[in-house]
Amino acid sequence: MITTPSHPADEPDPTPQAAGELLRALASPVRLGIVRGLSGGGKYVHELVTALGVSQPLVSQHLRVLRTSRIVTARREARETRYTLTDDQVPHIVLDAIRHVQE
């Protein structure tokens, strides 16, 4: 077992668990599309619906998963909600995966 200064040798390393949870949250073509769409900045649900070509309820369902996983945040603006990514590294993971399968 590899240990780090912030991780004692007698405790399991939580890093692989957290990485697995992140990858599970991204394990959907629609969620990958949402992250890709948000990589250029915040968007409203109707903008994601148009960009992805899927229904509004489906986009909302996937946004809920991404919010629960703390990949996206939501901010209410008047009658709409604007979604943004919480971490600039997540789009890199998604874009690298897309590039990898295109090779």
Protein backbone atom coordinates (compact mmCIF):
# COMPACT_ATOMS: atom_id res chain seq x y z
CA MET A 1 0.00 0.00 0.00
CA ILE A 2 1.28 3.45 -0.90
CA THR A 3 0.94 6.02 1.82
CA THR A 4 1.11 9.77 1.80
CA PRO A 5 1.85 12.14 4.67
CA SER A 6 -1.85 12.96 5.00
CA HIS A 7 -2.82 9.30 4.91
CA PRO A 8 -1.68 6.94 7.71
CA ALA A 9 -0.60 3.43 6.65
CA ASP A 10 -3.14 1.72 8.94
CA GLU A 11 -6.16 3.33 7.24
CA PRO A 12 -7.48 2.55 3.74
CA ASP A 13 -6.69 5.15 1.08
CA PRO A 14 -9.96 7.00 0.23
CA THR A 15 -8.60 8.29 -3.09
CA PRO A 16 -9.53 5.28 -5.28
CA GLN A 17 -13.02 5.29 -3.76
CA ALA A 18 -13.50 8.99 -4.52
CA ALA A 19 -12.14 8.57 -8.06
CA GLY A 20 -14.54 5.68 -8.63
CA GLU A 21 -17.47 7.79 -7.47
CA LEU A 22 -16.47 10.58 -9.85
CA LEU A 23 -16.20 8.18 -12.77
CA ARG A 24 -19.57 6.58 -11.92
CA ALA A 25 -21.18 10.02 -11.89
CA LEU A 26 -19.76 10.65 -15.37
CA ALA A 27 -20.70 7.20 -16.70
CA SER A 28 -23.46 8.35 -19.05
CA PRO A 29 -23.27 9.82 -22.56
CA VAL A 30 -25.77 12.52 -21.54
CA ARG A 31 -23.77 13.50 -18.45
CA LEU A 32 -20.57 13.57 -20.51
CA GLY A 33 -22.37 15.85 -22.96
CA ILE A 34 -23.53 18.11 -20.15
CA VAL A 35 -20.00 18.45 -18.77
CA ARG A 36 -18.68 19.09 -22.26
CA GLY A 37 -21.39 21.72 -22.80
CA LEU A 38 -20.62 23.42 -19.50
CA SER A 39 -16.88 23.48 -20.13
CA GLY A 40 -17.28 26.80 -21.94
CA GLY A 41 -19.22 28.39 -19.08
CA GLY A 42 -22.55 28.23 -17.30
CA LYS A 43 -25.72 27.33 -19.15
CA TYR A 44 -29.45 27.13 -18.55
CA VAL A 45 -31.34 23.85 -18.90
CA HIS A 46 -32.99 24.92 -22.16
CA GLU A 47 -29.53 25.63 -23.65
CA LEU A 48 -28.34 22.14 -22.68
CA VAL A 49 -31.53 20.59 -24.11
CA THR A 50 -30.91 22.33 -27.44
CA ALA A 51 -27.21 21.47 -27.52
CA LEU A 52 -27.72 17.80 -26.61
CA GLY A 53 -30.93 17.17 -28.53
CA VAL A 54 -32.61 15.33 -25.65
CA SER A 55 -35.69 16.10 -23.57
CA GLN A 56 -35.76 18.61 -20.74
CA PRO A 57 -36.78 16.00 -18.14
CA LEU A 58 -33.82 13.82 -19.17
CA VAL A 59 -31.36 16.71 -18.90
CA SER A 60 -32.80 17.66 -15.50
CA GLN A 61 -32.49 14.07 -14.27
CA HIS A 62 -28.82 13.93 -15.26
CA LEU A 63 -28.13 17.37 -13.81
CA ARG A 64 -29.50 16.08 -10.51
CA VAL A 65 -26.93 13.25 -10.55
CA LEU A 66 -24.14 15.72 -11.34
CA ARG A 67 -25.29 18.06 -8.57
CA THR A 68 -25.44 15.23 -6.04
CA SER A 69 -21.89 14.30 -7.01
CA ARG A 70 -20.86 17.96 -6.66
CA ILE A 71 -19.70 18.12 -10.28
CA VAL A 72 -22.06 20.98 -11.09
CA THR A 73 -23.65 23.73 -9.06
CA ALA A 74 -26.96 25.43 -9.67
CA ARG A 75 -27.81 29.08 -9.15
CA ARG A 76 -31.33 30.39 -9.47
CA GLU A 77 -31.61 33.45 -11.72
CA ALA A 78 -35.16 34.82 -11.88
CA ARG A 79 -37.27 31.97 -13.30
CA GLU A 80 -34.38 29.85 -14.54
CA THR A 81 -31.48 27.96 -13.03
CA ARG A 82 -27.96 28.39 -14.36
CA TYR A 83 -25.63 25.40 -14.08
CA THR A 84 -21.85 25.64 -13.86
CA LEU A 85 -19.03 23.20 -13.25
CA THR A 86 -17.56 23.22 -9.76
CA ASP A 87 -14.10 22.10 -10.90
CA ASP A 88 -12.11 23.01 -14.01
CA GLN A 89 -10.45 19.57 -14.04
CA VAL A 90 -13.61 17.57 -14.80
CA PRO A 91 -13.90 18.78 -18.43
CA HIS A 92 -10.30 17.68 -18.99
CA ILE A 93 -11.18 14.17 -17.84
CA VAL A 94 -14.18 14.08 -20.19
CA LEU A 95 -12.34 15.56 -23.18
CA ASP A 96 -9.37 13.22 -22.65
CA ALA A 97 -11.76 10.23 -22.60
CA ILE A 98 -13.43 11.41 -25.81
CA ARG A 99 -10.06 11.93 -27.50
CA HIS A 100 -8.90 8.52 -26.33
CA VAL A 101 -11.79 6.66 -27.97
CA GLN A 102 -11.33 8.65 -31.19
CA GLU A 103 -7.75 7.41 -31.62
